[in-house]
Amino acid sequence: MSEFSIKDIDDVIHGRIRLGIMAYLIGAQRAPFKTIAGALDTTDGNLSVHLRKLEDAGYIAIEKSFVGRKPLTEAVLTQEGREAFVNYLDAMAKLGAG
């Protein structure tokens, strides 16, 4: 196992809400905005800010559609996001192994 480096921790993922989003999506692959907000017990505004940061990094995609006449916003984990999350977990494991 290689040595831990603080530079290996992804600042985009490391925030509590963003880490929660990524952890939720790693299992679900995609989830409605309201489902994520409820699971993380956060406000819509706060969640929006964190989703945007993950989207700007290419870790998630935001898809908007309609179910009947109701709008539906979903967050979808990208392949880049999956790889970044795995790398983040590896970096954290190195921290604990030190």
C-alpha atoms as a PDB file:
ATOM      1  CA  MET A   1       0.000   0.000   0.000  1.00  0.00           C
ATOM      2  CA  SER A   2       1.405   3.407  -0.894  1.00  0.00           C
ATOM      3  CA  GLU A   3       1.858   6.208   1.598  1.00  0.00           C
ATOM      4  CA  PHE A   4      -0.894   8.693   2.407  1.00  0.00           C
ATOM      5  CA  SER A   5      -0.715  12.161   0.874  1.00  0.00           C
ATOM      6  CA  ILE A   6      -3.102  14.948   1.797  1.00  0.00           C
ATOM      7  CA  LYS A   7      -3.048  15.942  -1.892  1.00  0.00           C
ATOM      8  CA  ASP A   8      -4.910  12.699  -2.683  1.00  0.00           C
ATOM      9  CA  ILE A   9      -8.075  13.909  -0.929  1.00  0.00           C
ATOM     10  CA  ASP A  10     -10.516  15.289  -3.490  1.00  0.00           C
ATOM     11  CA  ASP A  11     -11.713  18.657  -2.162  1.00  0.00           C
ATOM     12  CA  VAL A  12     -14.829  18.523  -4.330  1.00  0.00           C
ATOM     13  CA  ILE A  13     -16.025  15.304  -2.697  1.00  0.00           C
ATOM     14  CA  HIS A  14     -14.673  15.920   0.808  1.00  0.00           C
ATOM     15  CA  GLY A  15     -17.418  18.302   1.976  1.00  0.00           C
ATOM     16  CA  ARG A  16     -20.022  16.571   4.179  1.00  0.00           C
ATOM     17  CA  ILE A  17     -23.020  17.145   1.894  1.00  0.00           C
ATOM     18  CA  ARG A  18     -21.098  16.360  -1.306  1.00  0.00           C
ATOM     19  CA  LEU A  19     -19.691  13.204   0.269  1.00  0.00           C
ATOM     20  CA  GLY A  20     -23.236  12.229   1.227  1.00  0.00           C
ATOM     21  CA  ILE A  21     -24.470  12.833  -2.312  1.00  0.00           C
ATOM     22  CA  MET A  22     -21.702  10.714  -3.788  1.00  0.00           C
ATOM     23  CA  ALA A  23     -22.201   7.937  -1.235  1.00  0.00           C
ATOM     24  CA  TYR A  24     -25.929   7.882  -1.957  1.00  0.00           C
ATOM     25  CA  LEU A  25     -25.450   7.846  -5.725  1.00  0.00           C
ATOM     26  CA  ILE A  26     -22.743   5.169  -5.721  1.00  0.00           C
ATOM     27  CA  GLY A  27     -25.479   2.697  -4.787  1.00  0.00           C
ATOM     28  CA  ALA A  28     -28.476   4.271  -6.480  1.00  0.00           C
ATOM     29  CA  GLN A  29     -26.781   5.524  -9.686  1.00  0.00           C
ATOM     30  CA  ARG A  30     -29.532   8.162  -9.986  1.00  0.00           C
ATOM     31  CA  ALA A  31     -31.933   9.777  -7.579  1.00  0.00           C
ATOM     32  CA  PRO A  32     -34.569  12.509  -7.552  1.00  0.00           C
ATOM     33  CA  PHE A  33     -33.575  15.830  -6.001  1.00  0.00           C
ATOM     34  CA  LYS A  34     -36.162  15.538  -3.217  1.00  0.00           C
ATOM     35  CA  THR A  35     -35.024  12.024  -2.330  1.00  0.00           C
ATOM     36  CA  ILE A  36     -31.426  13.170  -1.901  1.00  0.00           C
ATOM     37  CA  ALA A  37     -32.499  16.224   0.112  1.00  0.00           C
ATOM     38  CA  GLY A  38     -34.512  14.001   2.440  1.00  0.00           C
ATOM     39  CA  ALA A  39     -31.767  11.403   2.807  1.00  0.00           C
ATOM     40  CA  LEU A  40     -29.195  14.073   3.695  1.00  0.00           C
ATOM     41  CA  ASP A  41     -31.581  16.201   5.766  1.00  0.00           C
ATOM     42  CA  THR A  42     -30.589  19.369   3.935  1.00  0.00           C
ATOM     43  CA  THR A  43     -32.453  22.298   2.436  1.00  0.00           C
ATOM     44  CA  ASP A  44     -33.204  22.539  -1.270  1.00  0.00           C
ATOM     45  CA  GLY A  45     -30.977  25.603  -1.597  1.00  0.00           C
ATOM     46  CA  ASN A  46     -28.034  23.967   0.140  1.00  0.00           C
ATOM     47  CA  LEU A  47     -28.404  20.798  -1.910  1.00  0.00           C
ATOM     48  CA  SER A  48     -28.564  22.811  -5.139  1.00  0.00           C
ATOM     49  CA  VAL A  49     -25.230  24.478  -4.393  1.00  0.00           C
ATOM     50  CA  HIS A  50     -23.516  21.155  -3.701  1.00  0.00           C
ATOM     51  CA  LEU A  51     -25.036  19.423  -6.723  1.00  0.00           C
ATOM     52  CA  ARG A  52     -23.788  22.267  -8.921  1.00  0.00           C
ATOM     53  CA  LYS A  53     -20.241  21.864  -7.584  1.00  0.00           C
ATOM     54  CA  LEU A  54     -20.310  18.125  -8.311  1.00  0.00           C
ATOM     55  CA  GLU A  55     -21.821  18.765 -11.740  1.00  0.00           C
ATOM     56  CA  ASP A  56     -19.162  21.374 -12.567  1.00  0.00           C
ATOM     57  CA  ALA A  57     -16.502  18.784 -11.668  1.00  0.00           C
ATOM     58  CA  GLY A  58     -18.139  16.257 -14.023  1.00  0.00           C
ATOM     59  CA  TYR A  59     -18.964  13.856 -11.184  1.00  0.00           C
ATOM     60  CA  ILE A  60     -22.718  13.973 -11.663  1.00  0.00           C
ATOM     61  CA  ALA A  61     -25.157  15.007 -14.359  1.00  0.00           C
ATOM     62  CA  ILE A  62     -28.452  16.736 -13.687  1.00  0.00           C
ATOM     63  CA  GLU A  63     -31.368  15.492 -15.773  1.00  0.00           C
ATOM     64  CA  LYS A  64     -34.670  17.328 -15.908  1.00  0.00           C
ATOM     65  CA  SER A  65     -37.850  15.719 -17.179  1.00  0.00           C
ATOM     66  CA  PHE A  66     -41.564  15.588 -16.516  1.00  0.00           C
ATOM     67  CA  VAL A  67     -43.631  12.861 -14.914  1.00  0.00           C
ATOM     68  CA  GLY A  68     -47.071  13.675 -16.145  1.00  0.00           C
ATOM     69  CA  ARG A  69     -47.134  17.427 -15.690  1.00  0.00           C
ATOM     70  CA  LYS A  70     -44.794  17.522 -12.728  1.00  0.00           C
ATOM     71  CA  PRO A  71     -41.136  18.443 -13.215  1.00  0.00           C
ATOM     72  CA  LEU A  72     -38.574  15.894 -12.052  1.00  0.00           C
ATOM     73  CA  THR A  73     -34.920  16.738 -11.401  1.00  0.00           C
ATOM     74  CA  GLU A  74     -32.559  13.809 -10.947  1.00  0.00           C
ATOM     75  CA  ALA A  75     -28.873  13.567 -10.137  1.00  0.00           C
ATOM     76  CA  VAL A  76     -27.031  10.867 -12.060  1.00  0.00           C
ATOM     77  CA  LEU A  77     -23.564   9.585 -11.162  1.00  0.00           C
ATOM     78  CA  THR A  78     -21.138   9.775 -14.102  1.00  0.00           C
ATOM     79  CA  GLN A  79     -18.327   7.323 -14.803  1.00  0.00           C
ATOM     80  CA  GLU A  80     -15.871  10.087 -13.899  1.00  0.00           C
ATOM     81  CA  GLY A  81     -17.739  10.542 -10.625  1.00  0.00           C
ATOM     82  CA  ARG A  82     -17.615   6.828  -9.850  1.00  0.00           C
ATOM     83  CA  GLU A  83     -13.856   6.780 -10.457  1.00  0.00           C
ATOM     84  CA  ALA A  84     -13.326   9.923  -8.362  1.00  0.00           C
ATOM     85  CA  PHE A  85     -15.308   8.424  -5.478  1.00  0.00           C
ATOM     86  CA  VAL A  86     -13.319   5.180  -5.571  1.00  0.00           C
ATOM     87  CA  ASN A  87     -10.087   7.217  -5.569  1.00  0.00           C
ATOM     88  CA  TYR A  88     -11.402   9.286  -2.661  1.00  0.00           C
ATOM     89  CA  LEU A  89     -12.161   6.131  -0.661  1.00  0.00           C
ATOM     90  CA  ASP A  90      -8.700   4.761  -1.450  1.00  0.00           C
ATOM     91  CA  ALA A  91      -7.098   7.983  -0.190  1.00  0.00           C
ATOM     92  CA  MET A  92      -9.127   7.834   3.014  1.00  0.00           C
ATOM     93  CA  ALA A  93      -8.173   4.180   3.524  1.00  0.00           C
ATOM     94  CA  LYS A  94      -4.503   5.143   3.293  1.00  0.00           C
ATOM     95  CA  LEU A  95      -5.079   7.747   5.984  1.00  0.00           C
ATOM     96  CA  GLY A  96      -6.451   5.097   8.341  1.00  0.00           C
ATOM     97  CA  ALA A  97      -3.660   2.650   7.524  1.00  0.00           C
ATOM     98  CA  GLY A  98      -0.905   5.124   8.386  1.00  0.00           C
END
